[in-house]
Amino acid sequence: MRNFNSKLRTPNPPPPSPSKLEGREEEKGFTLIEIIIVIVILAIISGITIKFLTDSLRVYTMTVNQKTLFDEGKLALERMCRDIRDARSITGVTASSITFVRTNATAQDSAGETITFQRNASANTLEKVKTSPIVTTTLASSVSSFTVTNSSNEIQLQLRLQLASGENVTLQSKVYPKNLARDTTYKNFAQNWQEDRSL
């Protein structure tokens, strides 16, 4: 019996003719239009990604600068409030400075020492100036304005810090010196608030 299936099965098929191979090679690859479309799509995606990254970096830098300004301004304002609260007398107040005499000594200041907080307009800094001996300490930089108002010995301080890149922060506080002499208009704390000097 002849096996008819043996004719149909060829263990090694003959190689394709060269004309068929050429046709297959023409089918491989991309056309110029397809390559241009891919390049345009990749350029759009890259542009969107780069814009997103640069915007994120700009917002991050702005946030860091803002926080740095806030921390520096808050520390300077707290130091001024602490020193003014201990004032024995307020000897001078202008629109951008305050001068007073300390009551108690600290690690940095002597009792009875005259201290001035003022803005140095040429350097855009906030300074603490002591008179004897004359010592100037910078409390904050990038200070665009420092305003002092005195309403019946209730001192209001306003401090504005600003960078050249545009970030800015404004802080304000009221200070009530506790050691001023009693008068009819001022809330005197001398009888009610006394420091424990034994610590």
C-alpha atoms as a PDB file:
ATOM      1  CA  MET A   1       0.000   0.000   0.000  1.00  0.00           C
ATOM      2  CA  ARG A   2       1.231   3.385  -0.918  1.00  0.00           C
ATOM      3  CA  ASN A   3       1.239   6.078   1.583  1.00  0.00           C
ATOM      4  CA  PHE A   4      -0.253   9.120  -0.105  1.00  0.00           C
ATOM      5  CA  ASN A   5       0.594  11.349   2.817  1.00  0.00           C
ATOM      6  CA  SER A   6       4.295  10.909   2.192  1.00  0.00           C
ATOM      7  CA  LYS A   7       4.041  12.964  -0.966  1.00  0.00           C
ATOM      8  CA  LEU A   8       2.417  15.799   0.875  1.00  0.00           C
ATOM      9  CA  ARG A   9       5.017  15.972   3.585  1.00  0.00           C
ATOM     10  CA  THR A  10       8.390  17.217   2.605  1.00  0.00           C
ATOM     11  CA  PRO A  11      10.989  17.030   5.357  1.00  0.00           C
ATOM     12  CA  ASN A  12      13.067  19.853   3.887  1.00  0.00           C
ATOM     13  CA  PRO A  13      11.014  22.410   2.011  1.00  0.00           C
ATOM     14  CA  PRO A  14      12.808  24.056  -0.892  1.00  0.00           C
ATOM     15  CA  PRO A  15      14.221  27.556  -0.209  1.00  0.00           C
ATOM     16  CA  PRO A  16      12.101  30.477  -1.352  1.00  0.00           C
ATOM     17  CA  SER A  17      12.911  32.033  -4.679  1.00  0.00           C
ATOM     18  CA  PRO A  18      14.888  35.319  -4.749  1.00  0.00           C
ATOM     19  CA  SER A  19      11.864  37.217  -5.990  1.00  0.00           C
ATOM     20  CA  LYS A  20       9.894  36.234  -2.903  1.00  0.00           C
ATOM     21  CA  LEU A  21      12.790  37.265  -0.636  1.00  0.00           C
ATOM     22  CA  GLU A  22      12.963  40.700  -2.259  1.00  0.00           C
ATOM     23  CA  GLY A  23       9.268  41.185  -1.688  1.00  0.00           C
ATOM     24  CA  ARG A  24       9.628  40.336   1.984  1.00  0.00           C
ATOM     25  CA  GLU A  25      12.514  42.761   2.431  1.00  0.00           C
ATOM     26  CA  GLU A  26      10.400  45.538   1.020  1.00  0.00           C
ATOM     27  CA  GLU A  27       7.723  44.783   3.554  1.00  0.00           C
ATOM     28  CA  LYS A  28      10.168  45.146   6.507  1.00  0.00           C
ATOM     29  CA  GLY A  29      10.996  48.576   8.075  1.00  0.00           C
ATOM     30  CA  PHE A  30       9.130  51.876   8.399  1.00  0.00           C
ATOM     31  CA  THR A  31       8.175  54.538   5.961  1.00  0.00           C
ATOM     32  CA  LEU A  32       9.432  58.102   6.266  1.00  0.00           C
ATOM     33  CA  ILE A  33       5.944  59.284   7.290  1.00  0.00           C
ATOM     34  CA  GLU A  34       5.836  56.752  10.143  1.00  0.00           C
ATOM     35  CA  ILE A  35       9.258  57.826  11.417  1.00  0.00           C
ATOM     36  CA  ILE A  36       8.276  61.503  11.293  1.00  0.00           C
ATOM     37  CA  ILE A  37       5.039  60.792  13.192  1.00  0.00           C
ATOM     38  CA  VAL A  38       6.952  58.886  15.908  1.00  0.00           C
ATOM     39  CA  ILE A  39       9.495  61.712  16.206  1.00  0.00           C
ATOM     40  CA  VAL A  40       6.717  64.313  16.540  1.00  0.00           C
ATOM     41  CA  ILE A  41       4.898  62.261  19.207  1.00  0.00           C
ATOM     42  CA  LEU A  42       8.129  61.705  21.171  1.00  0.00           C
ATOM     43  CA  ALA A  43       8.940  65.434  20.934  1.00  0.00           C
ATOM     44  CA  ILE A  44       5.496  66.358  22.309  1.00  0.00           C
ATOM     45  CA  ILE A  45       5.790  63.862  25.181  1.00  0.00           C
ATOM     46  CA  SER A  46       9.333  65.055  25.962  1.00  0.00           C
ATOM     47  CA  GLY A  47       8.212  68.706  25.947  1.00  0.00           C
ATOM     48  CA  ILE A  48       5.342  67.987  28.340  1.00  0.00           C
ATOM     49  CA  THR A  49       7.646  66.001  30.647  1.00  0.00           C
ATOM     50  CA  ILE A  50      10.334  68.710  30.669  1.00  0.00           C
ATOM     51  CA  LYS A  51       7.751  71.421  31.406  1.00  0.00           C
ATOM     52  CA  PHE A  52       6.316  69.361  34.261  1.00  0.00           C
ATOM     53  CA  LEU A  53       9.792  68.806  35.754  1.00  0.00           C
ATOM     54  CA  THR A  54      10.843  72.457  35.445  1.00  0.00           C
ATOM     55  CA  ASP A  55       7.550  73.650  36.973  1.00  0.00           C
ATOM     56  CA  SER A  56       7.952  71.186  39.839  1.00  0.00           C
ATOM     57  CA  LEU A  57      11.535  72.347  40.434  1.00  0.00           C
ATOM     58  CA  ARG A  58      10.459  76.009  40.365  1.00  0.00           C
ATOM     59  CA  VAL A  59       7.661  75.390  42.894  1.00  0.00           C
ATOM     60  CA  TYR A  60      10.029  73.415  45.127  1.00  0.00           C
ATOM     61  CA  THR A  61      12.654  76.178  45.027  1.00  0.00           C
ATOM     62  CA  MET A  62      10.023  78.828  45.762  1.00  0.00           C
ATOM     63  CA  THR A  63       8.695  76.816  48.724  1.00  0.00           C
ATOM     64  CA  VAL A  64      12.185  76.314  50.170  1.00  0.00           C
ATOM     65  CA  ASN A  65      12.991  80.032  49.794  1.00  0.00           C
ATOM     66  CA  GLN A  66       9.674  81.004  51.389  1.00  0.00           C
ATOM     67  CA  LYS A  67      10.276  78.694  54.358  1.00  0.00           C
ATOM     68  CA  THR A  68      13.832  80.003  54.782  1.00  0.00           C
ATOM     69  CA  LEU A  69      12.545  83.593  54.857  1.00  0.00           C
ATOM     70  CA  PHE A  70       9.779  82.668  57.306  1.00  0.00           C
ATOM     71  CA  ASP A  71      12.173  80.870  59.673  1.00  0.00           C
ATOM     72  CA  GLU A  72      14.691  83.726  59.603  1.00  0.00           C
ATOM     73  CA  GLY A  73      12.010  86.383  60.138  1.00  0.00           C
ATOM     74  CA  LYS A  74      10.301  84.432  62.916  1.00  0.00           C
ATOM     75  CA  LEU A  75      13.582  83.950  64.798  1.00  0.00           C
ATOM     76  CA  ALA A  76      14.449  87.659  64.495  1.00  0.00           C
ATOM     77  CA  LEU A  77      10.974  88.721  65.633  1.00  0.00           C
ATOM     78  CA  GLU A  78      11.076  86.361  68.624  1.00  0.00           C
ATOM     79  CA  ARG A  79      14.471  87.698  69.698  1.00  0.00           C
ATOM     80  CA  MET A  80      13.267  91.302  69.445  1.00  0.00           C
ATOM     81  CA  CYS A  81      10.077  90.553  71.378  1.00  0.00           C
ATOM     82  CA  ARG A  82      12.008  88.781  74.131  1.00  0.00           C
ATOM     83  CA  ASP A  83      14.405  91.714  74.557  1.00  0.00           C
ATOM     84  CA  ILE A  84      11.756  94.451  74.327  1.00  0.00           C
ATOM     85  CA  ARG A  85       9.544  92.620  76.826  1.00  0.00           C
ATOM     86  CA  ASP A  86      12.367  93.039  79.375  1.00  0.00           C
ATOM     87  CA  ALA A  87      12.678  96.798  78.724  1.00  0.00           C
ATOM     88  CA  ARG A  88      12.894  99.080  81.734  1.00  0.00           C
ATOM     89  CA  SER A  89      12.230 102.140  79.588  1.00  0.00           C
ATOM     90  CA  ILE A  90      11.606 102.915  75.926  1.00  0.00           C
ATOM     91  CA  THR A  91      13.987 105.750  75.060  1.00  0.00           C
ATOM     92  CA  GLY A  92      13.272 106.195  71.351  1.00  0.00           C
ATOM     93  CA  VAL A  93      10.936 104.985  68.616  1.00  0.00           C
ATOM     94  CA  THR A  94      11.113 105.933  64.943  1.00  0.00           C
ATOM     95  CA  ALA A  95       9.303 104.452  61.960  1.00  0.00           C
ATOM     96  CA  SER A  96      12.057 101.867  61.499  1.00  0.00           C
ATOM     97  CA  SER A  97      13.860 101.585  64.849  1.00  0.00           C
ATOM     98  CA  ILE A  98      13.318 101.196  68.572  1.00  0.00           C
ATOM     99  CA  THR A  99      15.731 101.988  71.403  1.00  0.00           C
ATOM    100  CA  PHE A 100      15.245 100.788  74.984  1.00  0.00           C
ATOM    101  CA  VAL A 101      17.090 100.006  78.210  1.00  0.00           C
ATOM    102  CA  ARG A 102      17.221  96.405  79.421  1.00  0.00           C
ATOM    103  CA  THR A 103      16.180  95.502  82.942  1.00  0.00           C
ATOM    104  CA  ASN A 104      17.884  92.144  83.476  1.00  0.00           C
ATOM    105  CA  ALA A 105      21.180  90.730  82.259  1.00  0.00           C
ATOM    106  CA  THR A 106      21.337  87.803  79.820  1.00  0.00           C
ATOM    107  CA  ALA A 107      24.198  85.752  78.420  1.00  0.00           C
ATOM    108  CA  GLN A 108      24.579  88.312  75.612  1.00  0.00           C
ATOM    109  CA  ASP A 109      23.488  91.600  77.252  1.00  0.00           C
ATOM    110  CA  SER A 110      24.166  93.450  80.480  1.00  0.00           C
ATOM    111  CA  ALA A 111      21.555  94.849  82.840  1.00  0.00           C
ATOM    112  CA  GLY A 112      20.864  98.528  82.157  1.00  0.00           C
ATOM    113  CA  GLU A 113      22.318  98.313  78.657  1.00  0.00           C
ATOM    114  CA  THR A 114      20.842 100.436  75.875  1.00  0.00           C
ATOM    115  CA  ILE A 115      19.820  98.417  72.826  1.00  0.00           C
ATOM    116  CA  THR A 116      18.537  99.523  69.419  1.00  0.00           C
ATOM    117  CA  PHE A 117      16.801  97.402  66.799  1.00  0.00           C
ATOM    118  CA  GLN A 118      16.975  99.030  63.379  1.00  0.00           C
ATOM    119  CA  ARG A 119      16.967  98.305  59.660  1.00  0.00           C
ATOM    120  CA  ASN A 120      20.174  98.933  57.761  1.00  0.00           C
ATOM    121  CA  ALA A 121      18.779 100.194  54.451  1.00  0.00           C
ATOM    122  CA  SER A 122      22.071  99.947  52.552  1.00  0.00           C
ATOM    123  CA  ALA A 123      22.566  96.258  53.408  1.00  0.00           C
ATOM    124  CA  ASN A 124      18.863  95.315  53.729  1.00  0.00           C
ATOM    125  CA  THR A 125      19.491  93.761  57.136  1.00  0.00           C
ATOM    126  CA  LEU A 126      17.900  93.964  60.569  1.00  0.00           C
ATOM    127  CA  GLU A 127      20.464  94.867  63.224  1.00  0.00           C
ATOM    128  CA  LYS A 128      20.733  94.809  66.987  1.00  0.00           C
ATOM    129  CA  VAL A 129      23.041  97.590  68.178  1.00  0.00           C
ATOM    130  CA  LYS A 130      24.363  97.681  71.765  1.00  0.00           C
ATOM    131  CA  THR A 131      25.923 100.900  73.068  1.00  0.00           C
ATOM    132  CA  SER A 132      28.502  99.891  75.640  1.00  0.00           C
ATOM    133  CA  PRO A 133      30.639  98.677  74.046  1.00  0.00           C
ATOM    134  CA  ILE A 134      29.215  99.296  70.591  1.00  0.00           C
ATOM    135  CA  VAL A 135      28.418  95.901  69.100  1.00  0.00           C
ATOM    136  CA  THR A 136      26.276  95.386  65.994  1.00  0.00           C
ATOM    137  CA  THR A 137      24.683  91.998  65.356  1.00  0.00           C
ATOM    138  CA  THR A 138      22.734  91.064  62.222  1.00  0.00           C
ATOM    139  CA  LEU A 139      19.430  89.387  63.083  1.00  0.00           C
ATOM    140  CA  ALA A 140      18.052  88.900  59.564  1.00  0.00           C
ATOM    141  CA  SER A 141      19.019  89.545  55.956  1.00  0.00           C
ATOM    142  CA  SER A 142      16.896  90.390  52.893  1.00  0.00           C
ATOM    143  CA  VAL A 143      14.812  92.778  55.035  1.00  0.00           C
ATOM    144  CA  SER A 144      12.799  95.042  52.748  1.00  0.00           C
ATOM    145  CA  SER A 145      11.018  96.907  55.562  1.00  0.00           C
ATOM    146  CA  PHE A 146      10.920  97.122  59.343  1.00  0.00           C
ATOM    147  CA  THR A 147       8.158  99.176  60.963  1.00  0.00           C
ATOM    148  CA  VAL A 148       7.783 100.087  64.632  1.00  0.00           C
ATOM    149  CA  THR A 149       4.756 101.777  66.196  1.00  0.00           C
ATOM    150  CA  ASN A 150       4.331 102.683  69.857  1.00  0.00           C
ATOM    151  CA  SER A 151       0.805 103.193  71.125  1.00  0.00           C
ATOM    152  CA  SER A 152       0.824 103.882  74.864  1.00  0.00           C
ATOM    153  CA  ASN A 153       3.882 101.634  75.312  1.00  0.00           C
ATOM    154  CA  GLU A 154       2.302  98.780  73.372  1.00  0.00           C
ATOM    155  CA  ILE A 155       4.958  98.144  70.764  1.00  0.00           C
ATOM    156  CA  GLN A 156       3.930  96.754  67.380  1.00  0.00           C
ATOM    157  CA  LEU A 157       6.670  95.346  65.155  1.00  0.00           C
ATOM    158  CA  GLN A 158       6.228  94.526  61.471  1.00  0.00           C
ATOM    159  CA  LEU A 159       8.998  92.806  59.538  1.00  0.00           C
ATOM    160  CA  ARG A 160       9.001  92.106  55.800  1.00  0.00           C
ATOM    161  CA  LEU A 161      11.645  89.954  54.125  1.00  0.00           C
ATOM    162  CA  GLN A 162      11.932  89.659  50.344  1.00  0.00           C
ATOM    163  CA  LEU A 163      14.310  87.893  47.946  1.00  0.00           C
ATOM    164  CA  ALA A 164      15.318  89.147  44.507  1.00  0.00           C
ATOM    165  CA  SER A 165      13.517  86.142  42.977  1.00  0.00           C
ATOM    166  CA  GLY A 166      10.202  87.475  44.337  1.00  0.00           C
ATOM    167  CA  GLU A 167       9.517  85.320  47.411  1.00  0.00           C
ATOM    168  CA  ASN A 168       8.491  87.395  50.424  1.00  0.00           C
ATOM    169  CA  VAL A 169       7.047  87.028  53.888  1.00  0.00           C
ATOM    170  CA  THR A 170       5.557  89.579  56.300  1.00  0.00           C
ATOM    171  CA  LEU A 171       5.463  88.987  60.051  1.00  0.00           C
ATOM    172  CA  GLN A 172       4.128  91.191  62.817  1.00  0.00           C
ATOM    173  CA  SER A 173       3.760  91.042  66.563  1.00  0.00           C
ATOM    174  CA  LYS A 174       2.770  93.184  69.524  1.00  0.00           C
ATOM    175  CA  VAL A 175       5.029  93.447  72.550  1.00  0.00           C
ATOM    176  CA  TYR A 176       4.057  94.591  76.030  1.00  0.00           C
ATOM    177  CA  PRO A 177       7.152  95.521  78.073  1.00  0.00           C
ATOM    178  CA  LYS A 178       6.631  94.179  81.586  1.00  0.00           C
ATOM    179  CA  ASN A 179       8.997  96.416  83.583  1.00  0.00           C
ATOM    180  CA  LEU A 180       7.879  99.916  82.602  1.00  0.00           C
ATOM    181  CA  ALA A 181       6.856 102.376  85.284  1.00  0.00           C
ATOM    182  CA  ARG A 182       3.174 102.439  86.184  1.00  0.00           C
ATOM    183  CA  ASP A 183       1.083 105.055  84.404  1.00  0.00           C
ATOM    184  CA  THR A 184      -2.604 105.683  83.801  1.00  0.00           C
ATOM    185  CA  THR A 185      -2.795 104.369  80.237  1.00  0.00           C
ATOM    186  CA  TYR A 186      -0.432 101.388  80.186  1.00  0.00           C
ATOM    187  CA  LYS A 187      -1.173  97.856  81.346  1.00  0.00           C
ATOM    188  CA  ASN A 188       1.609  97.462  83.890  1.00  0.00           C
ATOM    189  CA  PHE A 189       2.748  93.900  84.522  1.00  0.00           C
ATOM    190  CA  ALA A 190       5.444  94.678  87.074  1.00  0.00           C
ATOM    191  CA  GLN A 191       3.247  93.749  90.056  1.00  0.00           C
ATOM    192  CA  ASN A 192       1.749  90.666  88.451  1.00  0.00           C
ATOM    193  CA  TRP A 193       4.573  89.082  86.475  1.00  0.00           C
ATOM    194  CA  GLN A 194       7.849  88.559  88.228  1.00  0.00           C
ATOM    195  CA  GLU A 195      10.757  86.474  86.986  1.00  0.00           C
ATOM    196  CA  ASP A 196      12.206  83.680  89.058  1.00  0.00           C
ATOM    197  CA  ARG A 197      15.916  84.545  89.079  1.00  0.00           C
ATOM    198  CA  SER A 198      16.941  81.475  91.041  1.00  0.00           C
ATOM    199  CA  LEU A 199      16.909  79.312  87.883  1.00  0.00           C
END
